[in-house]
Amino acid sequence: MDIRYDLLKAELSLTQGQIDKYDQLSTTTKTWAVTLWVALAGLAFQSKQGQIALIGAVVPFIFWFFDGFNKTYRTDYKKRRDEVQRGLQTLSSGKNLPKDFQVPNLPVHDEKTVIRNMLLLHVGLPYLVLIVISLLIYARF
């Protein structure tokens, strides 16, 4: 085996580490969004001021945007991780990598996909629920 095999193993470890990092960031982002939203909703009820509930509708949107970025970066690293896995499978079966296969080749992130990722159900639903509840709280006052 050549140096490309060792590079692929290192790149596989690096890309998986990045995926894990963005998974953790997504969890942390959602946790902070809910924590701040609960604090604002409680304040709105306590003070009986609907305007605070409107702020509570904006906060989840901001975190939703950041979560969309995290998802974009995670997806880019996942694509590369899958390519690296296929490369390792090719090498382990005794075949040669295609000539155009680059090692290492870390992903270039395309921020144009952030909105698309924000609209994915598993990304956007928690934030949409918080926004809708905030608007209902506002309508109550």
Protein backbone atom coordinates (compact mmCIF):
# COMPACT_ATOMS: atom_id res chain seq x y z
CA MET A 1 0.00 0.00 0.00
CA ASP A 2 1.14 3.52 -0.57
CA ILE A 3 1.08 6.77 1.33
CA ARG A 4 -2.40 7.42 -0.03
CA TYR A 5 -3.76 4.66 2.22
CA ASP A 6 -2.32 6.33 5.33
CA LEU A 7 -3.60 9.70 4.18
CA LEU A 8 -7.07 8.25 3.62
CA LYS A 9 -7.11 6.76 7.12
CA ALA A 10 -6.08 10.11 8.60
CA GLU A 11 -8.66 11.96 6.51
CA LEU A 12 -11.37 9.51 7.54
CA SER A 13 -10.58 10.20 11.19
CA LEU A 14 -10.53 13.96 10.60
CA THR A 15 -13.81 14.07 8.68
CA GLN A 16 -15.56 11.89 11.27
CA GLY A 17 -14.26 14.19 13.99
CA GLN A 18 -15.71 17.19 12.16
CA ILE A 19 -19.07 15.45 11.77
CA ASP A 20 -19.10 14.71 15.49
CA LYS A 21 -18.22 18.34 16.24
CA TYR A 22 -21.11 19.67 14.13
CA ASP A 23 -23.51 17.16 15.71
CA GLN A 24 -22.52 18.48 19.13
CA LEU A 25 -22.85 22.10 17.93
CA SER A 26 -26.37 21.37 16.68
CA THR A 27 -27.37 19.92 20.04
CA THR A 28 -25.85 22.87 21.87
CA THR A 29 -27.55 25.34 19.54
CA LYS A 30 -30.95 23.78 20.15
CA THR A 31 -30.35 23.69 23.89
CA TRP A 32 -29.46 27.39 24.01
CA ALA A 33 -32.43 28.30 21.82
CA VAL A 34 -34.86 26.48 24.12
CA THR A 35 -33.22 27.87 27.26
CA LEU A 36 -33.41 31.48 26.10
CA TRP A 37 -36.90 30.99 24.71
CA VAL A 38 -38.20 29.55 28.01
CA ALA A 39 -36.68 32.49 29.89
CA LEU A 40 -38.36 34.98 27.54
CA ALA A 41 -41.69 33.15 27.62
CA GLY A 42 -41.60 33.12 31.41
CA LEU A 43 -40.78 36.81 31.48
CA ALA A 44 -43.64 37.53 29.07
CA PHE A 45 -46.10 35.69 31.32
CA GLN A 46 -44.74 37.24 34.49
CA SER A 47 -44.79 40.81 33.16
CA LYS A 48 -47.89 40.27 30.99
CA GLN A 49 -46.16 42.02 28.09
CA GLY A 50 -46.73 40.46 24.69
CA GLN A 51 -43.81 42.32 23.14
CA ILE A 52 -41.43 40.08 25.06
CA ALA A 53 -43.10 37.08 23.40
CA LEU A 54 -42.29 38.66 20.03
CA ILE A 55 -38.63 38.80 21.04
CA GLY A 56 -39.09 35.16 22.00
CA ALA A 57 -40.13 34.49 18.40
CA VAL A 58 -36.97 36.12 17.01
CA VAL A 59 -34.51 34.26 19.25
CA PRO A 60 -35.29 30.77 17.84
CA PHE A 61 -34.98 32.12 14.30
CA ILE A 62 -31.43 33.33 14.99
CA PHE A 63 -30.42 29.95 16.41
CA TRP A 64 -32.21 28.22 13.52
CA PHE A 65 -30.01 30.11 11.08
CA PHE A 66 -26.84 28.99 12.90
CA ASP A 67 -28.12 25.42 12.98
CA GLY A 68 -28.61 25.60 9.21
CA PHE A 69 -24.94 26.56 8.83
CA ASN A 70 -23.90 23.69 11.10
CA LYS A 71 -25.97 21.28 9.01
CA THR A 72 -24.37 22.58 5.81
CA TYR A 73 -20.85 22.05 7.13
CA ARG A 74 -21.74 18.64 8.59
CA THR A 75 -23.24 17.49 5.30
CA ASP A 76 -20.12 18.58 3.38
CA TYR A 77 -17.88 16.59 5.72
CA LYS A 78 -20.22 13.59 5.54
CA LYS A 79 -19.99 13.56 1.73
CA ARG A 80 -16.20 13.60 1.92
CA ARG A 81 -16.16 10.93 4.65
CA ASP A 82 -18.25 8.68 2.41
CA GLU A 83 -15.85 9.27 -0.51
CA VAL A 84 -12.89 8.41 1.71
CA GLN A 85 -14.60 5.23 2.91
CA ARG A 86 -15.17 4.16 -0.70
CA GLY A 87 -11.49 4.90 -1.42
CA LEU A 88 -10.38 2.75 1.50
CA GLN A 89 -12.67 -0.06 0.35
CA THR A 90 -11.18 0.16 -3.13
CA LEU A 91 -7.62 0.00 -1.79
CA SER A 92 -8.39 -2.82 0.63
CA SER A 93 -9.83 -4.91 -2.20
CA GLY A 94 -6.50 -4.64 -4.04
CA LYS A 95 -7.67 -2.16 -6.65
CA ASN A 96 -6.12 1.20 -7.43
CA LEU A 97 -7.79 4.50 -6.71
CA PRO A 98 -9.07 6.41 -9.74
CA LYS A 99 -6.46 8.83 -11.06
CA ASP A 100 -8.66 11.85 -10.28
CA PHE A 101 -9.13 10.82 -6.61
CA GLN A 102 -7.49 13.51 -4.47
CA VAL A 103 -5.97 12.74 -1.09
CA PRO A 104 -6.42 14.76 1.07
CA ASN A 105 -9.34 16.75 -0.26
CA LEU A 106 -11.25 18.47 2.49
CA PRO A 107 -14.63 19.93 1.55
CA VAL A 108 -15.26 23.45 0.43
CA HIS A 109 -18.44 24.71 2.05
CA ASP A 110 -21.24 26.18 -0.05
CA GLU A 111 -23.22 28.58 2.11
CA LYS A 112 -25.94 28.74 -0.55
CA THR A 113 -27.38 25.53 0.87
CA VAL A 114 -27.99 27.01 4.34
CA ILE A 115 -31.63 27.92 3.59
CA ARG A 116 -32.30 24.47 2.15
CA ASN A 117 -30.81 22.87 5.26
CA MET A 118 -32.83 25.17 7.52
CA LEU A 119 -35.99 23.83 5.87
CA LEU A 120 -35.18 20.20 6.61
CA LEU A 121 -37.79 18.89 9.04
CA HIS A 122 -35.35 17.65 11.67
CA VAL A 123 -33.51 20.99 11.65
CA GLY A 124 -36.39 23.46 11.47
CA LEU A 125 -39.24 21.84 13.38
CA PRO A 126 -38.01 22.60 16.92
CA TYR A 127 -37.49 26.25 16.02
CA LEU A 128 -40.81 26.55 14.22
CA VAL A 129 -42.64 25.17 17.25
CA LEU A 130 -41.00 27.78 19.50
CA ILE A 131 -41.81 30.58 17.05
CA VAL A 132 -45.47 29.54 16.75
CA ILE A 133 -45.87 29.26 20.52
CA SER A 134 -44.31 32.71 20.92
CA LEU A 135 -46.80 34.14 18.47
CA LEU A 136 -49.66 32.45 20.32
CA ILE A 137 -48.40 33.93 23.61
CA TYR A 138 -48.25 37.36 21.95
CA ALA A 139 -51.81 36.98 20.66
CA ARG A 140 -52.96 36.08 24.18
CA PHE A 141 -51.87 39.47 25.57
